[in-house]
PDB file of N, CA and C in Angstrom:
ATOM      1  N   MET A   1     202.712  61.959  93.713  1.00  0.00           N
ATOM      2  CA  MET A   1     203.504  60.819  93.273  1.00  0.00           C
ATOM      3  C   MET A   1     204.948  61.236  92.944  1.00  0.00           C
ATOM      4  N   LEU A   2     205.155  62.451  92.444  1.00  0.00           N
ATOM      5  CA  LEU A   2     206.489  62.887  92.058  1.00  0.00           C
ATOM      6  C   LEU A   2     207.378  63.180  93.259  1.00  0.00           C
ATOM      7  N   GLU A   3     206.804  63.278  94.458  1.00  0.00           N
ATOM      8  CA  GLU A   3     207.623  63.480  95.649  1.00  0.00           C
ATOM      9  C   GLU A   3     208.046  62.142  96.263  1.00  0.00           C
ATOM     10  N   ASN A   4     207.670  61.045  95.639  1.00  0.00           N
ATOM     11  CA  ASN A   4     208.031  59.700  96.080  1.00  0.00           C
ATOM     12  C   ASN A   4     209.547  59.509  95.919  1.00  0.00           C
ATOM     13  N   PRO A   5     210.258  59.111  96.999  1.00  0.00           N
ATOM     14  CA  PRO A   5     211.707  58.910  96.896  1.00  0.00           C
ATOM     15  C   PRO A   5     212.103  57.876  95.840  1.00  0.00           C
ATOM     16  N   LEU A   6     211.226  56.907  95.577  1.00  0.00           N
ATOM     17  CA  LEU A   6     211.522  55.896  94.559  1.00  0.00           C
ATOM     18  C   LEU A   6     211.458  56.501  93.162  1.00  0.00           C
ATOM     19  N   PHE A   7     210.823  57.653  93.025  1.00  0.00           N
ATOM     20  CA  PHE A   7     210.841  58.386  91.756  1.00  0.00           C
ATOM     21  C   PHE A   7     212.032  59.345  91.716  1.00  0.00           C
ATOM     22  N   ILE A   8     212.191  60.125  92.763  1.00  0.00           N
ATOM     23  CA  ILE A   8     213.188  61.199  92.785  1.00  0.00           C
ATOM     24  C   ILE A   8     214.620  60.668  92.720  1.00  0.00           C
ATOM     25  N   ILE A   9     214.958  59.696  93.557  1.00  0.00           N
ATOM     26  CA  ILE A   9     216.346  59.222  93.641  1.00  0.00           C
ATOM     27  C   ILE A   9     216.818  58.616  92.317  1.00  0.00           C
ATOM     28  N   PRO A  10     216.127  57.611  91.757  1.00  0.00           N
ATOM     29  CA  PRO A  10     216.625  57.056  90.492  1.00  0.00           C
ATOM     30  C   PRO A  10     216.561  58.058  89.337  1.00  0.00           C
ATOM     31  N   PHE A  11     215.541  58.902  89.317  1.00  0.00           N
ATOM     32  CA  PHE A  11     215.397  59.854  88.220  1.00  0.00           C
ATOM     33  C   PHE A  11     216.551  60.856  88.214  1.00  0.00           C
ATOM     34  N   LEU A  12     216.763  61.520  89.345  1.00  0.00           N
ATOM     35  CA  LEU A  12     217.825  62.533  89.412  1.00  0.00           C
ATOM     36  C   LEU A  12     219.215  61.915  89.260  1.00  0.00           C
ATOM     37  N   THR A  13     219.439  60.783  89.909  1.00  0.00           N
ATOM     38  CA  THR A  13     220.737  60.119  89.799  1.00  0.00           C
ATOM     39  C   THR A  13     220.981  59.665  88.366  1.00  0.00           C
ATOM     40  N   GLY A  14     219.972  59.139  87.721  1.00  0.00           N
ATOM     41  CA  GLY A  14     220.107  58.708  86.326  1.00  0.00           C
ATOM     42  C   GLY A  14     220.424  59.866  85.395  1.00  0.00           C
ATOM     43  N   ILE A  15     219.768  61.008  85.616  1.00  0.00           N
ATOM     44  CA  ILE A  15     220.036  62.202  84.807  1.00  0.00           C
ATOM     45  C   ILE A  15     221.478  62.670  85.031  1.00  0.00           C
ATOM     46  N   ILE A  16     221.903  62.689  86.293  1.00  0.00           N
ATOM     47  CA  ILE A  16     223.276  63.111  86.611  1.00  0.00           C
ATOM     48  C   ILE A  16     224.285  62.144  86.000  1.00  0.00           C
ATOM     49  N   PHE A  17     224.040  60.839  86.110  1.00  0.00           N
ATOM     50  CA  PHE A  17     224.939  59.850  85.509  1.00  0.00           C
ATOM     51  C   PHE A  17     225.040  60.067  84.006  1.00  0.00           C
ATOM     52  N   SER A  18     223.897  60.196  83.340  1.00  0.00           N
ATOM     53  CA  SER A  18     223.901  60.366  81.887  1.00  0.00           C
ATOM     54  C   SER A  18     224.630  61.636  81.470  1.00  0.00           C
ATOM     55  N   ALA A  19     224.408  62.717  82.198  1.00  0.00           N
ATOM     56  CA  ALA A  19     225.080  63.983  81.888  1.00  0.00           C
ATOM     57  C   ALA A  19     226.586  63.867  82.123  1.00  0.00           C
ATOM     58  N   ALA A  20     226.977  63.275  83.244  1.00  0.00           N
ATOM     59  CA  ALA A  20     228.408  63.122  83.551  1.00  0.00           C
ATOM     60  C   ALA A  20     229.086  62.220  82.520  1.00  0.00           C
ATOM     61  N   GLY A  21     228.420  61.135  82.136  1.00  0.00           N
ATOM     62  CA  GLY A  21     228.979  60.239  81.120  1.00  0.00           C
ATOM     63  C   GLY A  21     229.140  60.935  79.783  1.00  0.00           C
ATOM     64  N   SER A  22     228.162  61.757  79.421  1.00  0.00           N
ATOM     65  CA  SER A  22     228.241  62.506  78.154  1.00  0.00           C
ATOM     66  C   SER A  22     229.390  63.514  78.177  1.00  0.00           C
ATOM     67  N   ILE A  23     229.553  64.194  79.295  1.00  0.00           N
ATOM     68  CA  ILE A  23     230.650  65.159  79.429  1.00  0.00           C
ATOM     69  C   ILE A  23     231.995  64.437  79.352  1.00  0.00           C
ATOM     70  N   MET A  24     232.111  63.304  80.054  1.00  0.00           N
ATOM     71  CA  MET A  24     233.369  62.557  80.025  1.00  0.00           C
ATOM     72  C   MET A  24     233.664  61.999  78.633  1.00  0.00           C
ATOM     73  N   LEU A  25     232.617  61.611  77.915  1.00  0.00           N
ATOM     74  CA  LEU A  25     232.812  61.074  76.567  1.00  0.00           C
ATOM     75  C   LEU A  25     233.261  62.170  75.607  1.00  0.00           C
ATOM     76  N   ARG A  26     232.679  63.350  75.739  1.00  0.00           N
ATOM     77  CA  ARG A  26     233.032  64.469  74.850  1.00  0.00           C
ATOM     78  C   ARG A  26     234.345  65.142  75.229  1.00  0.00           C
ATOM     79  N   PHE A  27     234.632  65.187  76.520  1.00  0.00           N
ATOM     80  CA  PHE A  27     235.843  65.858  77.016  1.00  0.00           C
ATOM     81  C   PHE A  27     236.626  64.929  77.944  1.00  0.00           C
ATOM     82  N   PRO A  28     237.179  63.850  77.388  1.00  0.00           N
ATOM     83  CA  PRO A  28     237.905  62.911  78.255  1.00  0.00           C
ATOM     84  C   PRO A  28     239.202  63.527  78.770  1.00  0.00           C
ATOM     85  N   PRO A  29     239.622  63.133  79.961  1.00  0.00           N
ATOM     86  CA  PRO A  29     240.892  63.642  80.467  1.00  0.00           C
ATOM     87  C   PRO A  29     242.035  63.098  79.610  1.00  0.00           C
ATOM     88  N   LYS A  30     242.923  63.966  79.223  1.00  0.00           N
ATOM     89  CA  LYS A  30     244.020  63.574  78.327  1.00  0.00           C
ATOM     90  C   LYS A  30     245.145  62.858  79.069  1.00  0.00           C
ATOM     91  N   LYS A  31     245.374  63.272  80.324  1.00  0.00           N
ATOM     92  CA  LYS A  31     246.466  62.714  81.112  1.00  0.00           C
ATOM     93  C   LYS A  31     245.909  62.029  82.357  1.00  0.00           C
ATOM     94  N   ILE A  32     246.654  61.078  82.862  1.00  0.00           N
ATOM     95  CA  ILE A  32     246.283  60.429  84.111  1.00  0.00           C
ATOM     96  C   ILE A  32     246.340  61.484  85.217  1.00  0.00           C
ATOM     97  N   ASN A  33     245.253  61.603  85.952  1.00  0.00           N
ATOM     98  CA  ASN A  33     245.170  62.617  87.006  1.00  0.00           C
ATOM     99  C   ASN A  33     244.337  62.096  88.166  1.00  0.00           C
ATOM    100  N   SER A  34     244.300  62.828  89.229  1.00  0.00           N
ATOM    101  CA  SER A  34     243.542  62.396  90.401  1.00  0.00           C
ATOM    102  C   SER A  34     242.273  63.225  90.620  1.00  0.00           C
ATOM    103  N   LEU A  35     241.870  64.008  89.619  1.00  0.00           N
ATOM    104  CA  LEU A  35     240.692  64.857  89.772  1.00  0.00           C
ATOM    105  C   LEU A  35     239.516  64.477  88.889  1.00  0.00           C
ATOM    106  N   TYR A  36     239.781  64.120  87.643  1.00  0.00           N
ATOM    107  CA  TYR A  36     238.705  63.992  86.669  1.00  0.00           C
ATOM    108  C   TYR A  36     238.856  62.710  85.883  1.00  0.00           C
ATOM    109  N   GLY A  37     237.780  61.936  85.788  1.00  0.00           N
ATOM    110  CA  GLY A  37     237.781  60.719  84.999  1.00  0.00           C
ATOM    111  C   GLY A  37     237.532  59.493  85.855  1.00  0.00           C
ATOM    112  N   TYR A  38     237.593  58.342  85.203  1.00  0.00           N
ATOM    113  CA  TYR A  38     237.441  57.062  85.890  1.00  0.00           C
ATOM    114  C   TYR A  38     238.799  56.722  86.496  1.00  0.00           C
ATOM    115  N   ARG A  39     238.897  56.814  87.823  1.00  0.00           N
ATOM    116  CA  ARG A  39     240.191  56.674  88.497  1.00  0.00           C
ATOM    117  C   ARG A  39     240.182  55.487  89.448  1.00  0.00           C
ATOM    118  N   THR A  40     240.821  54.413  89.031  1.00  0.00           N
ATOM    119  CA  THR A  40     241.061  53.268  89.899  1.00  0.00           C
ATOM    120  C   THR A  40     242.519  52.868  89.699  1.00  0.00           C
ATOM    121  N   PRO A  41     243.075  52.101  90.608  1.00  0.00           N
ATOM    122  CA  PRO A  41     244.471  51.679  90.421  1.00  0.00           C
ATOM    123  C   PRO A  41     244.708  50.987  89.073  1.00  0.00           C
ATOM    124  N   SER A  42     243.768  50.152  88.637  1.00  0.00           N
ATOM    125  CA  SER A  42     243.978  49.448  87.365  1.00  0.00           C
ATOM    126  C   SER A  42     243.879  50.380  86.159  1.00  0.00           C
ATOM    127  N   SER A  43     243.056  51.410  86.245  1.00  0.00           N
ATOM    128  CA  SER A  43     242.928  52.334  85.113  1.00  0.00           C
ATOM    129  C   SER A  43     244.075  53.325  85.047  1.00  0.00           C
ATOM    130  N   MET A  44     244.793  53.491  86.144  1.00  0.00           N
ATOM    131  CA  MET A  44     245.867  54.483  86.192  1.00  0.00           C
ATOM    132  C   MET A  44     247.263  53.882  86.018  1.00  0.00           C
ATOM    133  N   LYS A  45     247.337  52.603  85.639  1.00  0.00           N
ATOM    134  CA  LYS A  45     248.646  51.953  85.489  1.00  0.00           C
ATOM    135  C   LYS A  45     249.461  52.513  84.333  1.00  0.00           C
ATOM    136  N   ASN A  46     248.790  52.821  83.236  1.00  0.00           N
ATOM    137  CA  ASN A  46     249.488  53.433  82.094  1.00  0.00           C
ATOM    138  C   ASN A  46     248.473  54.189  81.240  1.00  0.00           C
ATOM    139  N   ILE A  47     248.965  54.948  80.286  1.00  0.00           N
ATOM    140  CA  ILE A  47     248.094  55.822  79.489  1.00  0.00           C
ATOM    141  C   ILE A  47     247.149  55.033  78.589  1.00  0.00           C
ATOM    142  N   GLU A  48     247.571  53.868  78.121  1.00  0.00           N
ATOM    143  CA  GLU A  48     246.697  53.053  77.270  1.00  0.00           C
ATOM    144  C   GLU A  48     245.483  52.568  78.071  1.00  0.00           C
ATOM    145  N   ARG A  49     245.726  52.079  79.266  1.00  0.00           N
ATOM    146  CA  ARG A  49     244.618  51.661  80.147  1.00  0.00           C
ATOM    147  C   ARG A  49     243.740  52.856  80.497  1.00  0.00           C
ATOM    148  N   TRP A  50     244.361  53.975  80.775  1.00  0.00           N
ATOM    149  CA  TRP A  50     243.639  55.186  81.146  1.00  0.00           C
ATOM    150  C   TRP A  50     242.663  55.585  80.045  1.00  0.00           C
ATOM    151  N   ASN A  51     243.152  55.672  78.822  1.00  0.00           N
ATOM    152  CA  ASN A  51     242.301  56.081  77.699  1.00  0.00           C
ATOM    153  C   ASN A  51     241.168  55.098  77.460  1.00  0.00           C
ATOM    154  N   PHE A  52     241.482  53.803  77.537  1.00  0.00           N
ATOM    155  CA  PHE A  52     240.441  52.786  77.373  1.00  0.00           C
ATOM    156  C   PHE A  52     239.376  52.924  78.469  1.00  0.00           C
ATOM    157  N   ALA A  53     239.814  53.070  79.714  1.00  0.00           N
ATOM    158  CA  ALA A  53     238.880  53.164  80.847  1.00  0.00           C
ATOM    159  C   ALA A  53     237.988  54.388  80.736  1.00  0.00           C
ATOM    160  N   GLN A  54     238.539  55.504  80.243  1.00  0.00           N
ATOM    161  CA  GLN A  54     237.738  56.724  80.134  1.00  0.00           C
ATOM    162  C   GLN A  54     236.612  56.548  79.113  1.00  0.00           C
ATOM    163  N   GLU A  55     236.952  56.002  77.963  1.00  0.00           N
ATOM    164  CA  GLU A  55     235.929  55.828  76.929  1.00  0.00           C
ATOM    165  C   GLU A  55     234.903  54.770  77.332  1.00  0.00           C
ATOM    166  N   TYR A  56     235.378  53.628  77.804  1.00  0.00           N
ATOM    167  CA  TYR A  56     234.474  52.541  78.172  1.00  0.00           C
ATOM    168  C   TYR A  56     233.565  52.953  79.332  1.00  0.00           C
ATOM    169  N   SER A  57     234.134  53.554  80.368  1.00  0.00           N
ATOM    170  CA  SER A  57     233.325  53.930  81.535  1.00  0.00           C
ATOM    171  C   SER A  57     232.301  55.008  81.183  1.00  0.00           C
ATOM    172  N   SER A  58     232.668  55.930  80.304  1.00  0.00           N
ATOM    173  CA  SER A  58     231.724  56.978  79.896  1.00  0.00           C
ATOM    174  C   SER A  58     230.483  56.374  79.249  1.00  0.00           C
ATOM    175  N   LYS A  59     230.711  55.431  78.352  1.00  0.00           N
ATOM    176  CA  LYS A  59     229.580  54.774  77.671  1.00  0.00           C
ATOM    177  C   LYS A  59     228.737  53.978  78.662  1.00  0.00           C
ATOM    178  N   GLU A  60     229.390  53.299  79.590  1.00  0.00           N
ATOM    179  CA  GLU A  60     228.651  52.527  80.595  1.00  0.00           C
ATOM    180  C   GLU A  60     227.872  53.438  81.543  1.00  0.00           C
ATOM    181  N   ILE A  61     228.459  54.560  81.918  1.00  0.00           N
ATOM    182  CA  ILE A  61     227.760  55.502  82.807  1.00  0.00           C
ATOM    183  C   ILE A  61     226.496  56.019  82.128  1.00  0.00           C
ATOM    184  N   ILE A  62     226.585  56.313  80.837  1.00  0.00           N
ATOM    185  CA  ILE A  62     225.400  56.780  80.101  1.00  0.00           C
ATOM    186  C   ILE A  62     224.334  55.696  80.085  1.00  0.00           C
ATOM    187  N   LYS A  63     224.717  54.463  79.741  1.00  0.00           N
ATOM    188  CA  LYS A  63     223.751  53.349  79.692  1.00  0.00           C
ATOM    189  C   LYS A  63     223.095  53.130  81.054  1.00  0.00           C
ATOM    190  N   LEU A  64     223.919  53.080  82.096  1.00  0.00           N
ATOM    191  CA  LEU A  64     223.375  52.838  83.430  1.00  0.00           C
ATOM    192  C   LEU A  64     222.534  54.013  83.918  1.00  0.00           C
ATOM    193  N   GLY A  65     222.871  55.220  83.494  1.00  0.00           N
ATOM    194  CA  GLY A  65     222.057  56.385  83.825  1.00  0.00           C
ATOM    195  C   GLY A  65     220.670  56.295  83.213  1.00  0.00           C
ATOM    196  N   VAL A  66     220.610  55.856  81.971  1.00  0.00           N
ATOM    197  CA  VAL A  66     219.313  55.684  81.306  1.00  0.00           C
ATOM    198  C   VAL A  66     218.501  54.600  82.008  1.00  0.00           C
ATOM    199  N   ILE A  67     219.161  53.497  82.354  1.00  0.00           N
ATOM    200  CA  ILE A  67     218.463  52.415  83.066  1.00  0.00           C
ATOM    201  C   ILE A  67     217.953  52.909  84.413  1.00  0.00           C
ATOM    202  N   LEU A  68     218.788  53.639  85.131  1.00  0.00           N
ATOM    203  CA  LEU A  68     218.390  54.160  86.444  1.00  0.00           C
ATOM    204  C   LEU A  68     217.226  55.139  86.312  1.00  0.00           C
ATOM    205  N   THR A  69     217.277  55.991  85.309  1.00  0.00           N
ATOM    206  CA  THR A  69     216.173  56.932  85.083  1.00  0.00           C
ATOM    207  C   THR A  69     214.880  56.173  84.792  1.00  0.00           C
ATOM    208  N   THR A  70     214.974  55.115  84.023  1.00  0.00           N
ATOM    209  CA  THR A  70     213.795  54.302  83.706  1.00  0.00           C
ATOM    210  C   THR A  70     213.229  53.629  84.953  1.00  0.00           C
ATOM    211  N   CYS A  71     214.108  53.289  85.892  1.00  0.00           N
ATOM    212  CA  CYS A  71     213.665  52.630  87.130  1.00  0.00           C
ATOM    213  C   CYS A  71     212.729  53.511  87.963  1.00  0.00           C
ATOM    214  N   CYS A  72     212.726  54.813  87.714  1.00  0.00           N
ATOM    215  CA  CYS A  72     211.843  55.686  88.485  1.00  0.00           C
ATOM    216  C   CYS A  72     210.372  55.354  88.214  1.00  0.00           C
ATOM    217  N   LEU A  73     210.108  54.671  87.117  1.00  0.00           N
ATOM    218  CA  LEU A  73     208.727  54.289  86.802  1.00  0.00           C
ATOM    219  C   LEU A  73     208.165  53.295  87.809  1.00  0.00           C
ATOM    220  N   PHE A  74     209.055  52.570  88.519  1.00  0.00           N
ATOM    221  CA  PHE A  74     208.586  51.644  89.549  1.00  0.00           C
ATOM    222  C   PHE A  74     207.842  52.373  90.664  1.00  0.00           C
ATOM    223  N   SER A  75     208.099  53.653  90.813  1.00  0.00           N
ATOM    224  CA  SER A  75     207.438  54.417  91.880  1.00  0.00           C
ATOM    225  C   SER A  75     205.925  54.463  91.679  1.00  0.00           C
ATOM    226  N   PHE A  76     205.482  54.355  90.440  1.00  0.00           N
ATOM    227  CA  PHE A  76     204.044  54.394  90.172  1.00  0.00           C
ATOM    228  C   PHE A  76     203.364  53.083  90.542  1.00  0.00           C
ATOM    229  N   LEU A  77     204.156  52.030  90.726  1.00  0.00           N
ATOM    230  CA  LEU A  77     203.606  50.718  91.079  1.00  0.00           C
ATOM    231  C   LEU A  77     203.866  50.332  92.532  1.00  0.00           C
ATOM    232  N   SER A  78     204.672  51.111  93.223  1.00  0.00           N
ATOM    233  CA  SER A  78     205.106  50.755  94.569  1.00  0.00           C
ATOM    234  C   SER A  78     204.002  50.945  95.605  1.00  0.00           C
ATOM    235  N   PRO A  79     203.711  49.866  96.341  1.00  0.00           N
ATOM    236  CA  PRO A  79     202.709  49.971  97.404  1.00  0.00           C
ATOM    237  C   PRO A  79     203.329  50.364  98.754  1.00  0.00           C
ATOM    238  N   PHE A  80     204.640  50.642  98.778  1.00  0.00           N
ATOM    239  CA  PHE A  80     205.358  50.872 100.025  1.00  0.00           C
ATOM    240  C   PHE A  80     205.287  52.325 100.481  1.00  0.00           C
ATOM    241  N   ASP A  81     205.650  52.520 101.759  1.00  0.00           N
ATOM    242  CA  ASP A  81     205.696  53.878 102.310  1.00  0.00           C
ATOM    243  C   ASP A  81     206.966  54.597 101.840  1.00  0.00           C
ATOM    244  N   ASP A  82     207.068  55.886 102.153  1.00  0.00           N
ATOM    245  CA  ASP A  82     208.193  56.698 101.676  1.00  0.00           C
ATOM    246  C   ASP A  82     209.544  56.193 102.165  1.00  0.00           C
ATOM    247  N   PHE A  83     209.617  55.738 103.410  1.00  0.00           N
ATOM    248  CA  PHE A  83     210.896  55.258 103.938  1.00  0.00           C
ATOM    249  C   PHE A  83     211.384  54.030 103.166  1.00  0.00           C
ATOM    250  N   THR A  84     210.487  53.087 102.943  1.00  0.00           N
ATOM    251  CA  THR A  84     210.846  51.880 102.191  1.00  0.00           C
ATOM    252  C   THR A  84     211.221  52.240 100.761  1.00  0.00           C
ATOM    253  N   ASN A  85     210.470  53.151 100.160  1.00  0.00           N
ATOM    254  CA  ASN A  85     210.798  53.590  98.801  1.00  0.00           C
ATOM    255  C   ASN A  85     212.165  54.280  98.748  1.00  0.00           C
ATOM    256  N   MET A  86     212.503  55.025  99.806  1.00  0.00           N
ATOM    257  CA  MET A  86     213.811  55.669  99.856  1.00  0.00           C
ATOM    258  C   MET A  86     214.920  54.614  99.916  1.00  0.00           C
ATOM    259  N   ILE A  87     214.721  53.590 100.723  1.00  0.00           N
ATOM    260  CA  ILE A  87     215.709  52.503 100.829  1.00  0.00           C
ATOM    261  C   ILE A  87     215.858  51.799  99.475  1.00  0.00           C
ATOM    262  N   ILE A  88     214.752  51.543  98.807  1.00  0.00           N
ATOM    263  CA  ILE A  88     214.804  50.900  97.488  1.00  0.00           C
ATOM    264  C   ILE A  88     215.529  51.800  96.489  1.00  0.00           C
ATOM    265  N   GLY A  89     215.221  53.092  96.491  1.00  0.00           N
ATOM    266  CA  GLY A  89     215.868  54.038  95.574  1.00  0.00           C
ATOM    267  C   GLY A  89     217.364  54.139  95.807  1.00  0.00           C
ATOM    268  N   LEU A  90     217.773  54.244  97.065  1.00  0.00           N
ATOM    269  CA  LEU A  90     219.196  54.294  97.396  1.00  0.00           C
ATOM    270  C   LEU A  90     219.893  52.983  97.044  1.00  0.00           C
ATOM    271  N   SER A  91     219.205  51.873  97.264  1.00  0.00           N
ATOM    272  CA  SER A  91     219.768  50.568  96.916  1.00  0.00           C
ATOM    273  C   SER A  91     219.990  50.448  95.411  1.00  0.00           C
ATOM    274  N   LEU A  92     219.039  50.925  94.629  1.00  0.00           N
ATOM    275  CA  LEU A  92     219.203  50.918  93.165  1.00  0.00           C
ATOM    276  C   LEU A  92     220.435  51.717  92.757  1.00  0.00           C
ATOM    277  N   MET A  93     220.606  52.875  93.379  1.00  0.00           N
ATOM    278  CA  MET A  93     221.744  53.732  93.072  1.00  0.00           C
ATOM    279  C   MET A  93     223.060  53.017  93.407  1.00  0.00           C
ATOM    280  N   ILE A  94     223.135  52.391  94.562  1.00  0.00           N
ATOM    281  CA  ILE A  94     224.342  51.684  94.984  1.00  0.00           C
ATOM    282  C   ILE A  94     224.624  50.500  94.064  1.00  0.00           C
ATOM    283  N   VAL A  95     223.592  49.759  93.704  1.00  0.00           N
ATOM    284  CA  VAL A  95     223.757  48.615  92.808  1.00  0.00           C
ATOM    285  C   VAL A  95     224.294  49.068  91.450  1.00  0.00           C
ATOM    286  N   VAL A  96     223.798  50.181  90.943  1.00  0.00           N
ATOM    287  CA  VAL A  96     224.266  50.695  89.655  1.00  0.00           C
ATOM    288  C   VAL A  96     225.749  51.073  89.735  1.00  0.00           C
ATOM    289  N   VAL A  97     226.181  51.679  90.811  1.00  0.00           N
ATOM    290  CA  VAL A  97     227.595  52.034  90.976  1.00  0.00           C
ATOM    291  C   VAL A  97     228.452  50.765  91.034  1.00  0.00           C
ATOM    292  N   ILE A  98     227.998  49.755  91.752  1.00  0.00           N
ATOM    293  CA  ILE A  98     228.729  48.490  91.840  1.00  0.00           C
ATOM    294  C   ILE A  98     228.815  47.831  90.466  1.00  0.00           C
ATOM    295  N   ILE A  99     227.717  47.827  89.725  1.00  0.00           N
ATOM    296  CA  ILE A  99     227.713  47.255  88.378  1.00  0.00           C
ATOM    297  C   ILE A  99     228.702  48.006  87.480  1.00  0.00           C
ATOM    298  N   LEU A 100     228.704  49.322  87.577  1.00  0.00           N
ATOM    299  CA  LEU A 100     229.635  50.126  86.780  1.00  0.00           C
ATOM    300  C   LEU A 100     231.079  49.737  87.076  1.00  0.00           C
ATOM    301  N   LEU A 101     231.445  49.719  88.342  1.00  0.00           N
ATOM    302  CA  LEU A 101     232.812  49.359  88.716  1.00  0.00           C
ATOM    303  C   LEU A 101     233.163  47.954  88.250  1.00  0.00           C
ATOM    304  N   TRP A 102     232.276  47.010  88.443  1.00  0.00           N
ATOM    305  CA  TRP A 102     232.509  45.620  88.053  1.00  0.00           C
ATOM    306  C   TRP A 102     232.707  45.503  86.546  1.00  0.00           C
ATOM    307  N   LYS A 103     231.813  46.134  85.762  1.00  0.00           N
ATOM    308  CA  LYS A 103     231.906  46.020  84.308  1.00  0.00           C
ATOM    309  C   LYS A 103     233.179  46.661  83.759  1.00  0.00           C
ATOM    310  N   VAL A 104     233.518  47.836  84.253  1.00  0.00           N
ATOM    311  CA  VAL A 104     234.706  48.527  83.736  1.00  0.00           C
ATOM    312  C   VAL A 104     235.973  47.797  84.151  1.00  0.00           C
ATOM    313  N   GLU A 105     236.058  47.377  85.397  1.00  0.00           N
ATOM    314  CA  GLU A 105     237.249  46.655  85.843  1.00  0.00           C
ATOM    315  C   GLU A 105     237.402  45.328  85.099  1.00  0.00           C
ATOM    316  N   LYS A 106     236.292  44.653  84.842  1.00  0.00           N
ATOM    317  CA  LYS A 106     236.339  43.402  84.084  1.00  0.00           C
ATOM    318  C   LYS A 106     236.819  43.666  82.652  1.00  0.00           C
ATOM    319  N   ALA A 107     236.336  44.730  82.036  1.00  0.00           N
ATOM    320  CA  ALA A 107     236.753  45.076  80.665  1.00  0.00           C
ATOM    321  C   ALA A 107     238.235  45.428  80.619  1.00  0.00           C
ATOM    322  N   ILE A 108     238.718  46.165  81.609  1.00  0.00           N
ATOM    323  CA  ILE A 108     240.145  46.507  81.664  1.00  0.00           C
ATOM    324  C   ILE A 108     240.971  45.233  81.813  1.00  0.00           C
ATOM    325  N   LYS A 109     240.556  44.369  82.700  1.00  0.00           N
ATOM    326  CA  LYS A 109     241.292  43.124  82.940  1.00  0.00           C
ATOM    327  C   LYS A 109     241.305  42.253  81.680  1.00  0.00           C
ATOM    328  N   THR A 110     240.171  42.158  81.006  1.00  0.00           N
ATOM    329  CA  THR A 110     240.077  41.349  79.794  1.00  0.00           C
ATOM    330  C   THR A 110     240.966  41.911  78.682  1.00  0.00           C
ATOM    331  N   LYS A 111     240.915  43.209  78.479  1.00  0.00           N
ATOM    332  CA  LYS A 111     241.694  43.830  77.403  1.00  0.00           C
ATOM    333  C   LYS A 111     243.189  43.813  77.674  1.00  0.00           C
ATOM    334  N   PHE A 112     243.571  43.940  78.935  1.00  0.00           N
ATOM    335  CA  PHE A 112     244.994  44.063  79.269  1.00  0.00           C
ATOM    336  C   PHE A 112     245.486  42.891  80.121  1.00  0.00           C
ATOM    337  N   GLU A 113     244.921  41.705  79.935  1.00  0.00           N
ATOM    338  CA  GLU A 113     245.263  40.572  80.795  1.00  0.00           C
ATOM    339  C   GLU A 113     246.704  40.089  80.602  1.00  0.00           C
ATOM    340  N   LYS A 114     247.346  40.423  79.494  1.00  0.00           N
ATOM    341  CA  LYS A 114     248.709  39.959  79.241  1.00  0.00           C
ATOM    342  C   LYS A 114     249.752  40.748  80.022  1.00  0.00           C
ATOM    343  N   GLU A 115     249.376  41.904  80.528  1.00  0.00           N
ATOM    344  CA  GLU A 115     250.335  42.750  81.269  1.00  0.00           C
ATOM    345  C   GLU A 115     250.641  42.187  82.621  1.00  0.00           C
TER     346      GLU A 115
END
């Protein structure tokens, strides 16, 4: 059962997300850069947006990582074959990334809508 892609993909991705979010929360990038941190055009407009995006995205990455890790439990209920489970696992991962981008960009827009 542990070799099921519906277990492996969400579990490992969730662990990586949670670890990356924790690292970013503890060691946020101090300056706007193109290597480390939450980097989108809206987050890189100024240092105030940058700092807000780093803290907010770190917390969201941790939350979504925990949710994704929990989703691996669906593998114990899945009646599908490995290929279908792999598609479901990859889809969960993609959906989580889309949710992350949507939530952070919405929060940036809401907080800085007067600019």
